[in-house]
């Protein structure tokens, strides 16, 4: 969860908001982190989760990235029988990352 929040801050513009939400829906527990940052094209979504992804970008304040954080997040969540998904409406339209655990 820390990595998702850190990424939301890293890839958001100054003075923008990051929203964190935890809720249950039917048989699922859902944790979402949403921002209004640089976003991504939805067609490139799965590239975000590749180990040492080529989508490696610099944060909005020139923070370096290694391209491994989301890969490790997804692997860890999957080991606990959850899933990690990402959505964005496009470049510069923010992103939402959701962790979903089903019972």
PDB file of N, CA and C in Angstrom:
ATOM      1  N   UNK A   1       0.826  -1.188   0.000  1.00  0.00           N
ATOM      2  CA  UNK A   1       0.000   0.000   0.000  1.00  0.00           C
ATOM      3  C   UNK A   1       0.871   1.252   0.000  1.00  0.00           C
ATOM      4  N   UNK A   2       1.988   1.168   0.705  1.00  0.00           N
ATOM      5  CA  UNK A   2       2.891   2.322   0.770  1.00  0.00           C
ATOM      6  C   UNK A   2       3.400   2.676  -0.620  1.00  0.00           C
ATOM      7  N   UNK A   3       3.740   1.674  -1.425  1.00  0.00           N
ATOM      8  CA  UNK A   3       4.241   1.945  -2.772  1.00  0.00           C
ATOM      9  C   UNK A   3       3.179   2.614  -3.639  1.00  0.00           C
ATOM     10  N   UNK A   4       1.935   2.187  -3.528  1.00  0.00           N
ATOM     11  CA  UNK A   4       0.869   2.792  -4.325  1.00  0.00           C
ATOM     12  C   UNK A   4       0.654   4.252  -3.940  1.00  0.00           C
ATOM     13  N   UNK A   5       0.687   4.529  -2.651  1.00  0.00           N
ATOM     14  CA  UNK A   5       0.534   5.915  -2.190  1.00  0.00           C
ATOM     15  C   UNK A   5       1.740   6.745  -2.611  1.00  0.00           C
ATOM     16  N   UNK A   6       2.938   6.181  -2.450  1.00  0.00           N
ATOM     17  CA  UNK A   6       4.161   6.886  -2.858  1.00  0.00           C
ATOM     18  C   UNK A   6       4.132   7.210  -4.349  1.00  0.00           C
ATOM     19  N   UNK A   7       3.699   6.263  -5.170  1.00  0.00           N
ATOM     20  CA  UNK A   7       3.610   6.507  -6.615  1.00  0.00           C
ATOM     21  C   UNK A   7       2.596   7.596  -6.933  1.00  0.00           C
ATOM     22  N   UNK A   8       1.461   7.570  -6.251  1.00  0.00           N
ATOM     23  CA  UNK A   8       0.437   8.596  -6.493  1.00  0.00           C
ATOM     24  C   UNK A   8       1.006   9.982  -6.205  1.00  0.00           C
ATOM     25  N   UNK A   9       1.763  10.096  -5.135  1.00  0.00           N
ATOM     26  CA  UNK A   9       2.388  11.384  -4.806  1.00  0.00           C
ATOM     27  C   UNK A   9       3.484  11.736  -5.805  1.00  0.00           C
ATOM     28  N   UNK A  10       4.282  10.754  -6.167  1.00  0.00           N
ATOM     29  CA  UNK A  10       5.413  10.979  -7.070  1.00  0.00           C
ATOM     30  C   UNK A  10       4.969  11.421  -8.458  1.00  0.00           C
ATOM     31  N   UNK A  11       3.854  10.870  -8.937  1.00  0.00           N
ATOM     32  CA  UNK A  11       3.412  11.150 -10.302  1.00  0.00           C
ATOM     33  C   UNK A  11       2.257  12.143 -10.376  1.00  0.00           C
ATOM     34  N   UNK A  12       2.009  12.853  -9.278  1.00  0.00           N
ATOM     35  CA  UNK A  12       0.995  13.909  -9.253  1.00  0.00           C
ATOM     36  C   UNK A  12       1.679  15.266  -9.312  1.00  0.00           C
ATOM     37  N   UNK A  13       0.933  16.234  -9.757  1.00  0.00           N
ATOM     38  CA  UNK A  13       1.449  17.594  -9.826  1.00  0.00           C
ATOM     39  C   UNK A  13       1.320  18.250  -8.454  1.00  0.00           C
ATOM     40  N   UNK A  14       2.173  19.222  -8.177  1.00  0.00           N
ATOM     41  CA  UNK A  14       2.117  19.893  -6.881  1.00  0.00           C
ATOM     42  C   UNK A  14       0.745  20.525  -6.675  1.00  0.00           C
ATOM     43  N   UNK A  15       0.320  20.529  -5.446  1.00  0.00           N
ATOM     44  CA  UNK A  15      -0.977  21.065  -5.017  1.00  0.00           C
ATOM     45  C   UNK A  15      -2.173  20.263  -5.521  1.00  0.00           C
ATOM     46  N   UNK A  16      -1.953  19.059  -6.041  1.00  0.00           N
ATOM     47  CA  UNK A  16      -3.093  18.221  -6.425  1.00  0.00           C
ATOM     48  C   UNK A  16      -3.386  17.261  -5.276  1.00  0.00           C
ATOM     49  N   UNK A  17      -4.489  16.577  -5.355  1.00  0.00           N
ATOM     50  CA  UNK A  17      -4.919  15.690  -4.285  1.00  0.00           C
ATOM     51  C   UNK A  17      -4.757  14.231  -4.662  1.00  0.00           C
ATOM     52  N   UNK A  18      -4.485  13.429  -3.645  1.00  0.00           N
ATOM     53  CA  UNK A  18      -4.470  11.978  -3.772  1.00  0.00           C
ATOM     54  C   UNK A  18      -5.597  11.478  -2.878  1.00  0.00           C
ATOM     55  N   UNK A  19      -6.425  10.593  -3.416  1.00  0.00           N
ATOM     56  CA  UNK A  19      -7.565  10.068  -2.660  1.00  0.00           C
ATOM     57  C   UNK A  19      -7.334   8.590  -2.362  1.00  0.00           C
ATOM     58  N   UNK A  20      -7.538   8.236  -1.107  1.00  0.00           N
ATOM     59  CA  UNK A  20      -7.399   6.850  -0.662  1.00  0.00           C
ATOM     60  C   UNK A  20      -8.765   6.413  -0.149  1.00  0.00           C
ATOM     61  N   UNK A  21      -9.178   5.252  -0.577  1.00  0.00           N
ATOM     62  CA  UNK A  21     -10.497   4.761  -0.168  1.00  0.00           C
ATOM     63  C   UNK A  21     -10.404   3.273   0.130  1.00  0.00           C
ATOM     64  N   UNK A  22     -11.010   2.864   1.221  1.00  0.00           N
ATOM     65  CA  UNK A  22     -11.113   1.450   1.580  1.00  0.00           C
ATOM     66  C   UNK A  22     -12.594   1.159   1.789  1.00  0.00           C
ATOM     67  N   UNK A  23     -13.105   0.147   1.086  1.00  0.00           N
ATOM     68  CA  UNK A  23     -14.519  -0.170   1.216  1.00  0.00           C
ATOM     69  C   UNK A  23     -14.764  -1.627   0.856  1.00  0.00           C
ATOM     70  N   UNK A  24     -15.939  -2.103   1.198  1.00  0.00           N
ATOM     71  CA  UNK A  24     -16.318  -3.461   0.809  1.00  0.00           C
ATOM     72  C   UNK A  24     -17.493  -3.370  -0.160  1.00  0.00           C
ATOM     73  N   UNK A  25     -17.503  -4.310  -1.069  1.00  0.00           N
ATOM     74  CA  UNK A  25     -18.563  -4.374  -2.079  1.00  0.00           C
ATOM     75  C   UNK A  25     -18.873  -5.846  -2.306  1.00  0.00           C
ATOM     76  N   UNK A  26     -20.057  -6.246  -1.909  1.00  0.00           N
ATOM     77  CA  UNK A  26     -20.459  -7.657  -1.961  1.00  0.00           C
ATOM     78  C   UNK A  26     -19.457  -8.489  -1.178  1.00  0.00           C
ATOM     79  N   UNK A  27     -18.686  -9.342  -1.848  1.00  0.00           N
ATOM     80  CA  UNK A  27     -17.739 -10.210  -1.145  1.00  0.00           C
ATOM     81  C   UNK A  27     -16.293  -9.734  -1.309  1.00  0.00           C
ATOM     82  N   UNK A  28     -16.110  -8.472  -1.681  1.00  0.00           N
ATOM     83  CA  UNK A  28     -14.763  -7.962  -1.923  1.00  0.00           C
ATOM     84  C   UNK A  28     -14.397  -6.833  -0.962  1.00  0.00           C
ATOM     85  N   UNK A  29     -13.119  -6.821  -0.579  1.00  0.00           N
ATOM     86  CA  UNK A  29     -12.538  -5.696   0.141  1.00  0.00           C
ATOM     87  C   UNK A  29     -11.666  -4.967  -0.872  1.00  0.00           C
ATOM     88  N   UNK A  30     -11.895  -3.663  -1.036  1.00  0.00           N
ATOM     89  CA  UNK A  30     -11.221  -2.896  -2.088  1.00  0.00           C
ATOM     90  C   UNK A  30     -10.508  -1.705  -1.470  1.00  0.00           C
ATOM     91  N   UNK A  31      -9.276  -1.529  -1.870  1.00  0.00           N
ATOM     92  CA  UNK A  31      -8.440  -0.410  -1.446  1.00  0.00           C
ATOM     93  C   UNK A  31      -8.041   0.329  -2.713  1.00  0.00           C
ATOM     94  N   UNK A  32      -8.391   1.613  -2.845  1.00  0.00           N
ATOM     95  CA  UNK A  32      -8.028   2.366  -4.047  1.00  0.00           C
ATOM     96  C   UNK A  32      -7.188   3.584  -3.697  1.00  0.00           C
ATOM     97  N   UNK A  33      -6.271   3.878  -4.592  1.00  0.00           N
ATOM     98  CA  UNK A  33      -5.457   5.096  -4.517  1.00  0.00           C
ATOM     99  C   UNK A  33      -5.638   5.799  -5.857  1.00  0.00           C
ATOM    100  N   UNK A  34      -6.173   7.014  -5.823  1.00  0.00           N
ATOM    101  CA  UNK A  34      -6.433   7.776  -7.049  1.00  0.00           C
ATOM    102  C   UNK A  34      -5.700   9.106  -7.002  1.00  0.00           C
ATOM    103  N   UNK A  35      -5.219   9.521  -8.160  1.00  0.00           N
ATOM    104  CA  UNK A  35      -4.535  10.812  -8.245  1.00  0.00           C
ATOM    105  C   UNK A  35      -4.969  11.545  -9.499  1.00  0.00           C
ATOM    106  N   UNK A  36      -4.520  12.772  -9.630  1.00  0.00           N
ATOM    107  CA  UNK A  36      -4.793  13.588 -10.813  1.00  0.00           C
ATOM    108  C   UNK A  36      -3.501  13.871 -11.562  1.00  0.00           C
ATOM    109  N   UNK A  37      -2.614  12.902 -11.552  1.00  0.00           N
ATOM    110  CA  UNK A  37      -1.275  13.086 -12.098  1.00  0.00           C
ATOM    111  C   UNK A  37      -1.131  12.775 -13.570  1.00  0.00           C
ATOM    112  N   UNK A  38       0.055  12.223 -13.929  1.00  0.00           N
ATOM    113  CA  UNK A  38       0.428  12.070 -15.332  1.00  0.00           C
ATOM    114  C   UNK A  38      -0.357  10.983 -16.062  1.00  0.00           C
ATOM    115  N   UNK A  39      -0.956  10.045 -15.321  1.00  0.00           N
ATOM    116  CA  UNK A  39      -1.770   9.020 -15.955  1.00  0.00           C
ATOM    117  C   UNK A  39      -1.014   8.191 -16.979  1.00  0.00           C
ATOM    118  N   UNK A  40      -1.760   7.459 -17.790  1.00  0.00           N
ATOM    119  CA  UNK A  40      -1.182   6.602 -18.832  1.00  0.00           C
ATOM    120  C   UNK A  40      -2.293   6.212 -19.795  1.00  0.00           C
ATOM    121  N   UNK A  41      -1.895   5.748 -20.940  1.00  0.00           N
ATOM    122  CA  UNK A  41      -2.867   5.235 -21.903  1.00  0.00           C
ATOM    123  C   UNK A  41      -3.304   3.850 -21.428  1.00  0.00           C
ATOM    124  N   UNK A  42      -4.598   3.594 -21.389  1.00  0.00           N
ATOM    125  CA  UNK A  42      -5.102   2.327 -20.860  1.00  0.00           C
ATOM    126  C   UNK A  42      -4.527   1.127 -21.609  1.00  0.00           C
ATOM    127  N   UNK A  43      -4.240   1.290 -22.884  1.00  0.00           N
ATOM    128  CA  UNK A  43      -3.676   0.180 -23.666  1.00  0.00           C
ATOM    129  C   UNK A  43      -2.295  -0.228 -23.151  1.00  0.00           C
ATOM    130  N   UNK A  44      -1.621   0.663 -22.420  1.00  0.00           N
ATOM    131  CA  UNK A  44      -0.288   0.386 -21.881  1.00  0.00           C
ATOM    132  C   UNK A  44      -0.325  -0.084 -20.428  1.00  0.00           C
ATOM    133  N   UNK A  45      -1.510  -0.295 -19.894  1.00  0.00           N
ATOM    134  CA  UNK A  45      -1.680  -0.604 -18.482  1.00  0.00           C
ATOM    135  C   UNK A  45      -0.814  -1.763 -18.007  1.00  0.00           C
ATOM    136  N   UNK A  46      -0.841  -2.875 -18.707  1.00  0.00           N
ATOM    137  CA  UNK A  46      -0.100  -4.051 -18.237  1.00  0.00           C
ATOM    138  C   UNK A  46       1.412  -3.835 -18.252  1.00  0.00           C
ATOM    139  N   UNK A  47       1.893  -2.906 -19.069  1.00  0.00           N
ATOM    140  CA  UNK A  47       3.327  -2.602 -19.075  1.00  0.00           C
ATOM    141  C   UNK A  47       3.785  -2.041 -17.734  1.00  0.00           C
ATOM    142  N   UNK A  48       2.886  -1.386 -17.009  1.00  0.00           N
ATOM    143  CA  UNK A  48       3.226  -0.820 -15.706  1.00  0.00           C
ATOM    144  C   UNK A  48       3.677  -1.894 -14.720  1.00  0.00           C
ATOM    145  N   UNK A  49       3.167  -3.109 -14.882  1.00  0.00           N
ATOM    146  CA  UNK A  49       3.417  -4.184 -13.938  1.00  0.00           C
ATOM    147  C   UNK A  49       4.562  -5.108 -14.340  1.00  0.00           C
ATOM    148  N   UNK A  50       5.237  -4.803 -15.434  1.00  0.00           N
ATOM    149  CA  UNK A  50       6.373  -5.614 -15.857  1.00  0.00           C
ATOM    150  C   UNK A  50       7.600  -5.290 -15.011  1.00  0.00           C
ATOM    151  N   UNK A  51       8.405  -6.297 -14.771  1.00  0.00           N
ATOM    152  CA  UNK A  51       9.636  -6.115 -14.014  1.00  0.00           C
ATOM    153  C   UNK A  51      10.583  -5.226 -14.819  1.00  0.00           C
ATOM    154  N   UNK A  52      11.082  -4.181 -14.200  1.00  0.00           N
ATOM    155  CA  UNK A  52      11.962  -3.185 -14.837  1.00  0.00           C
ATOM    156  C   UNK A  52      11.318  -2.653 -16.122  1.00  0.00           C
ATOM    157  N   UNK A  53      10.068  -2.260 -15.984  1.00  0.00           N
ATOM    158  CA  UNK A  53       9.282  -1.805 -17.128  1.00  0.00           C
ATOM    159  C   UNK A  53       9.987  -0.724 -17.940  1.00  0.00           C
ATOM    160  N   UNK A  54       9.730  -0.748 -19.216  1.00  0.00           N
ATOM    161  CA  UNK A  54      10.266   0.286 -20.099  1.00  0.00           C
ATOM    162  C   UNK A  54       9.447   1.567 -19.980  1.00  0.00           C
ATOM    163  N   UNK A  55       8.353   1.505 -19.209  1.00  0.00           N
ATOM    164  CA  UNK A  55       7.564   2.710 -18.968  1.00  0.00           C
ATOM    165  C   UNK A  55       8.186   3.528 -17.836  1.00  0.00           C
ATOM    166  N   UNK A  56       9.373   3.138 -17.435  1.00  0.00           N
ATOM    167  CA  UNK A  56      10.096   3.831 -16.372  1.00  0.00           C
ATOM    168  C   UNK A  56      10.100   5.330 -16.658  1.00  0.00           C
ATOM    169  N   UNK A  57       9.541   6.087 -15.747  1.00  0.00           N
ATOM    170  CA  UNK A  57       9.422   7.520 -15.936  1.00  0.00           C
ATOM    171  C   UNK A  57       9.996   8.239 -14.740  1.00  0.00           C
ATOM    172  N   UNK A  58      10.180   9.493 -14.898  1.00  0.00           N
ATOM    173  CA  UNK A  58      10.621  10.343 -13.807  1.00  0.00           C
ATOM    174  C   UNK A  58       9.381  10.984 -13.207  1.00  0.00           C
ATOM    175  N   UNK A  59       9.359  11.104 -11.874  1.00  0.00           N
ATOM    176  CA  UNK A  59       8.228  11.729 -11.203  1.00  0.00           C
ATOM    177  C   UNK A  59       8.086  13.190 -11.606  1.00  0.00           C
ATOM    178  N   UNK A  60       7.006  13.801 -11.189  1.00  0.00           N
ATOM    179  CA  UNK A  60       6.723  15.183 -11.579  1.00  0.00           C
ATOM    180  C   UNK A  60       7.696  16.186 -10.969  1.00  0.00           C
ATOM    181  N   UNK A  61       8.445  15.758  -9.950  1.00  0.00           N
ATOM    182  CA  UNK A  61       9.500  16.616  -9.381  1.00  0.00           C
ATOM    183  C   UNK A  61      10.868  16.018  -9.671  1.00  0.00           C
ATOM    184  N   UNK A  62      10.949  15.277 -10.776  1.00  0.00           N
ATOM    185  CA  UNK A  62      12.174  14.622 -11.233  1.00  0.00           C
ATOM    186  C   UNK A  62      12.685  13.526 -10.305  1.00  0.00           C
ATOM    187  N   UNK A  63      11.782  12.904  -9.526  1.00  0.00           N
ATOM    188  CA  UNK A  63      12.172  11.780  -8.696  1.00  0.00           C
ATOM    189  C   UNK A  63      12.479  10.591  -9.595  1.00  0.00           C
ATOM    190  N   UNK A  64      13.556   9.872  -9.321  1.00  0.00           N
ATOM    191  CA  UNK A  64      13.879   8.702 -10.145  1.00  0.00           C
ATOM    192  C   UNK A  64      12.961   7.523  -9.810  1.00  0.00           C
ATOM    193  N   UNK A  65      12.779   6.634 -10.764  1.00  0.00           N
ATOM    194  CA  UNK A  65      12.031   5.398 -10.537  1.00  0.00           C
ATOM    195  C   UNK A  65      12.867   4.237 -11.045  1.00  0.00           C
ATOM    196  N   UNK A  66      12.667   3.077 -10.444  1.00  0.00           N
ATOM    197  CA  UNK A  66      13.410   1.881 -10.838  1.00  0.00           C
ATOM    198  C   UNK A  66      12.612   0.996 -11.796  1.00  0.00           C
ATOM    199  N   UNK A  67      11.288   1.170 -11.828  1.00  0.00           N
ATOM    200  CA  UNK A  67      10.464   0.349 -12.701  1.00  0.00           C
ATOM    201  C   UNK A  67      10.183  -1.031 -12.141  1.00  0.00           C
ATOM    202  N   UNK A  68      10.291  -1.198 -10.816  1.00  0.00           N
ATOM    203  CA  UNK A  68      10.052  -2.514 -10.226  1.00  0.00           C
ATOM    204  C   UNK A  68       8.972  -2.499  -9.142  1.00  0.00           C
ATOM    205  N   UNK A  69       8.603  -1.329  -8.648  1.00  0.00           N
ATOM    206  CA  UNK A  69       7.671  -1.225  -7.531  1.00  0.00           C
ATOM    207  C   UNK A  69       6.321  -1.846  -7.789  1.00  0.00           C
ATOM    208  N   UNK A  70       5.694  -1.531  -8.908  1.00  0.00           N
ATOM    209  CA  UNK A  70       4.371  -2.084  -9.195  1.00  0.00           C
ATOM    210  C   UNK A  70       4.435  -3.584  -9.478  1.00  0.00           C
ATOM    211  N   UNK A  71       5.539  -4.022 -10.062  1.00  0.00           N
ATOM    212  CA  UNK A  71       5.745  -5.454 -10.281  1.00  0.00           C
ATOM    213  C   UNK A  71       5.729  -6.180  -8.936  1.00  0.00           C
ATOM    214  N   UNK A  72       6.499  -5.668  -7.970  1.00  0.00           N
ATOM    215  CA  UNK A  72       6.564  -6.296  -6.648  1.00  0.00           C
ATOM    216  C   UNK A  72       5.230  -6.202  -5.911  1.00  0.00           C
ATOM    217  N   UNK A  73       4.552  -5.064  -6.048  1.00  0.00           N
ATOM    218  CA  UNK A  73       3.224  -4.920  -5.429  1.00  0.00           C
ATOM    219  C   UNK A  73       2.278  -5.993  -5.940  1.00  0.00           C
ATOM    220  N   UNK A  74       2.206  -6.131  -7.252  1.00  0.00           N
ATOM    221  CA  UNK A  74       1.270  -7.101  -7.832  1.00  0.00           C
ATOM    222  C   UNK A  74       1.612  -8.520  -7.383  1.00  0.00           C
ATOM    223  N   UNK A  75       2.889  -8.873  -7.411  1.00  0.00           N
ATOM    224  CA  UNK A  75       3.301 -10.220  -7.005  1.00  0.00           C
ATOM    225  C   UNK A  75       2.941 -10.489  -5.549  1.00  0.00           C
ATOM    226  N   UNK A  76       3.173  -9.524  -4.676  1.00  0.00           N
ATOM    227  CA  UNK A  76       2.862  -9.681  -3.252  1.00  0.00           C
ATOM    228  C   UNK A  76       1.367  -9.826  -3.031  1.00  0.00           C
ATOM    229  N   UNK A  77       0.589  -8.988  -3.686  1.00  0.00           N
ATOM    230  CA  UNK A  77      -0.874  -9.041  -3.550  1.00  0.00           C
ATOM    231  C   UNK A  77      -1.411 -10.365  -4.081  1.00  0.00           C
ATOM    232  N   UNK A  78      -0.872 -10.838  -5.202  1.00  0.00           N
ATOM    233  CA  UNK A  78      -1.320 -12.114  -5.764  1.00  0.00           C
ATOM    234  C   UNK A  78      -0.982 -13.280  -4.834  1.00  0.00           C
ATOM    235  N   UNK A  79       0.141 -13.221  -4.138  1.00  0.00           N
ATOM    236  CA  UNK A  79       0.500 -14.281  -3.188  1.00  0.00           C
ATOM    237  C   UNK A  79      -0.497 -14.352  -2.038  1.00  0.00           C
ATOM    238  N   UNK A  80      -1.209 -13.260  -1.795  1.00  0.00           N
ATOM    239  CA  UNK A  80      -2.237 -13.223  -0.758  1.00  0.00           C
ATOM    240  C   UNK A  80      -3.638 -13.349  -1.374  1.00  0.00           C
ATOM    241  N   UNK A  81      -3.686 -13.881  -2.601  1.00  0.00           N
ATOM    242  CA  UNK A  81      -4.926 -14.174  -3.316  1.00  0.00           C
ATOM    243  C   UNK A  81      -5.751 -12.929  -3.654  1.00  0.00           C
ATOM    244  N   UNK A  82      -5.067 -11.830  -3.874  1.00  0.00           N
ATOM    245  CA  UNK A  82      -5.731 -10.607  -4.295  1.00  0.00           C
ATOM    246  C   UNK A  82      -5.333 -10.254  -5.712  1.00  0.00           C
ATOM    247  N   UNK A  83      -5.840  -9.132  -6.172  1.00  0.00           N
ATOM    248  CA  UNK A  83      -5.422  -8.653  -7.493  1.00  0.00           C
ATOM    249  C   UNK A  83      -5.211  -7.150  -7.428  1.00  0.00           C
ATOM    250  N   UNK A  84      -4.325  -6.673  -8.288  1.00  0.00           N
ATOM    251  CA  UNK A  84      -4.000  -5.255  -8.401  1.00  0.00           C
ATOM    252  C   UNK A  84      -4.299  -4.833  -9.827  1.00  0.00           C
ATOM    253  N   UNK A  85      -5.147  -3.829  -9.967  1.00  0.00           N
ATOM    254  CA  UNK A  85      -5.480  -3.332 -11.298  1.00  0.00           C
ATOM    255  C   UNK A  85      -5.254  -1.817 -11.351  1.00  0.00           C
ATOM    256  N   UNK A  86      -5.052  -1.334 -12.558  1.00  0.00           N
ATOM    257  CA  UNK A  86      -4.818   0.098 -12.761  1.00  0.00           C
ATOM    258  C   UNK A  86      -5.739   0.601 -13.858  1.00  0.00           C
ATOM    259  N   UNK A  87      -6.194   1.827 -13.681  1.00  0.00           N
ATOM    260  CA  UNK A  87      -7.049   2.465 -14.692  1.00  0.00           C
ATOM    261  C   UNK A  87      -6.631   3.917 -14.841  1.00  0.00           C
ATOM    262  N   UNK A  88      -6.754   4.412 -16.057  1.00  0.00           N
ATOM    263  CA  UNK A  88      -6.499   5.818 -16.340  1.00  0.00           C
ATOM    264  C   UNK A  88      -7.293   6.200 -17.572  1.00  0.00           C
ATOM    265  N   UNK A  89      -7.712   7.444 -17.629  1.00  0.00           N
ATOM    266  CA  UNK A  89      -8.426   7.956 -18.797  1.00  0.00           C
ATOM    267  C   UNK A  89      -7.471   8.524 -19.837  1.00  0.00           C
ATOM    268  N   UNK A  90      -6.169   8.389 -19.597  1.00  0.00           N
ATOM    269  CA  UNK A  90      -5.183   8.854 -20.559  1.00  0.00           C
ATOM    270  C   UNK A  90      -4.120   9.714 -19.916  1.00  0.00           C
ATOM    271  N   UNK A  91      -3.176  10.112 -20.732  1.00  0.00           N
ATOM    272  CA  UNK A  91      -2.070  10.930 -20.246  1.00  0.00           C
ATOM    273  C   UNK A  91      -2.583  12.231 -19.644  1.00  0.00           C
ATOM    274  N   UNK A  92      -2.009  12.583 -18.516  1.00  0.00           N
ATOM    275  CA  UNK A  92      -2.347  13.794 -17.758  1.00  0.00           C
ATOM    276  C   UNK A  92      -3.782  13.802 -17.241  1.00  0.00           C
ATOM    277  N   UNK A  93      -4.381  12.612 -17.116  1.00  0.00           N
ATOM    278  CA  UNK A  93      -5.750  12.512 -16.599  1.00  0.00           C
ATOM    279  C   UNK A  93      -5.819  11.677 -15.334  1.00  0.00           C
ATOM    280  N   UNK A  94      -4.695  11.506 -14.674  1.00  0.00           N
ATOM    281  CA  UNK A  94      -4.674  10.782 -13.411  1.00  0.00           C
ATOM    282  C   UNK A  94      -4.757   9.277 -13.568  1.00  0.00           C
ATOM    283  N   UNK A  95      -4.729   8.596 -12.428  1.00  0.00           N
ATOM    284  CA  UNK A  95      -4.767   7.141 -12.413  1.00  0.00           C
ATOM    285  C   UNK A  95      -5.403   6.671 -11.128  1.00  0.00           C
ATOM    286  N   UNK A  96      -5.966   5.464 -11.185  1.00  0.00           N
ATOM    287  CA  UNK A  96      -6.485   4.811 -10.002  1.00  0.00           C
ATOM    288  C   UNK A  96      -5.932   3.395  -9.963  1.00  0.00           C
ATOM    289  N   UNK A  97      -5.362   3.041  -8.825  1.00  0.00           N
ATOM    290  CA  UNK A  97      -4.853   1.695  -8.597  1.00  0.00           C
ATOM    291  C   UNK A  97      -5.734   1.067  -7.528  1.00  0.00           C
ATOM    292  N   UNK A  98      -6.221  -0.133  -7.809  1.00  0.00           N
ATOM    293  CA  UNK A  98      -7.127  -0.823  -6.893  1.00  0.00           C
ATOM    294  C   UNK A  98      -6.560  -2.172  -6.495  1.00  0.00           C
ATOM    295  N   UNK A  99      -6.585  -2.429  -5.199  1.00  0.00           N
ATOM    296  CA  UNK A  99      -6.235  -3.726  -4.647  1.00  0.00           C
ATOM    297  C   UNK A  99      -7.545  -4.365  -4.242  1.00  0.00           C
ATOM    298  N   UNK A 100      -7.787  -5.585  -4.722  1.00  0.00           N
ATOM    299  CA  UNK A 100      -9.066  -6.252  -4.488  1.00  0.00           C
ATOM    300  C   UNK A 100      -8.816  -7.640  -3.891  1.00  0.00           C
ATOM    301  N   UNK A 101      -9.454  -7.873  -2.746  1.00  0.00           N
ATOM    302  CA  UNK A 101      -9.430  -9.179  -2.114  1.00  0.00           C
ATOM    303  C   UNK A 101     -10.859  -9.696  -2.063  1.00  0.00           C
ATOM    304  N   UNK A 102     -11.056 -10.921  -2.539  1.00  0.00           N
ATOM    305  CA  UNK A 102     -12.386 -11.537  -2.508  1.00  0.00           C
ATOM    306  C   UNK A 102     -12.433 -12.571  -1.397  1.00  0.00           C
ATOM    307  N   UNK A 103     -13.604 -12.689  -0.785  1.00  0.00           N
ATOM    308  CA  UNK A 103     -13.732 -13.707   0.264  1.00  0.00           C
ATOM    309  C   UNK A 103     -14.440 -14.933  -0.255  1.00  0.00           C
TER     310      UNK A 103
END
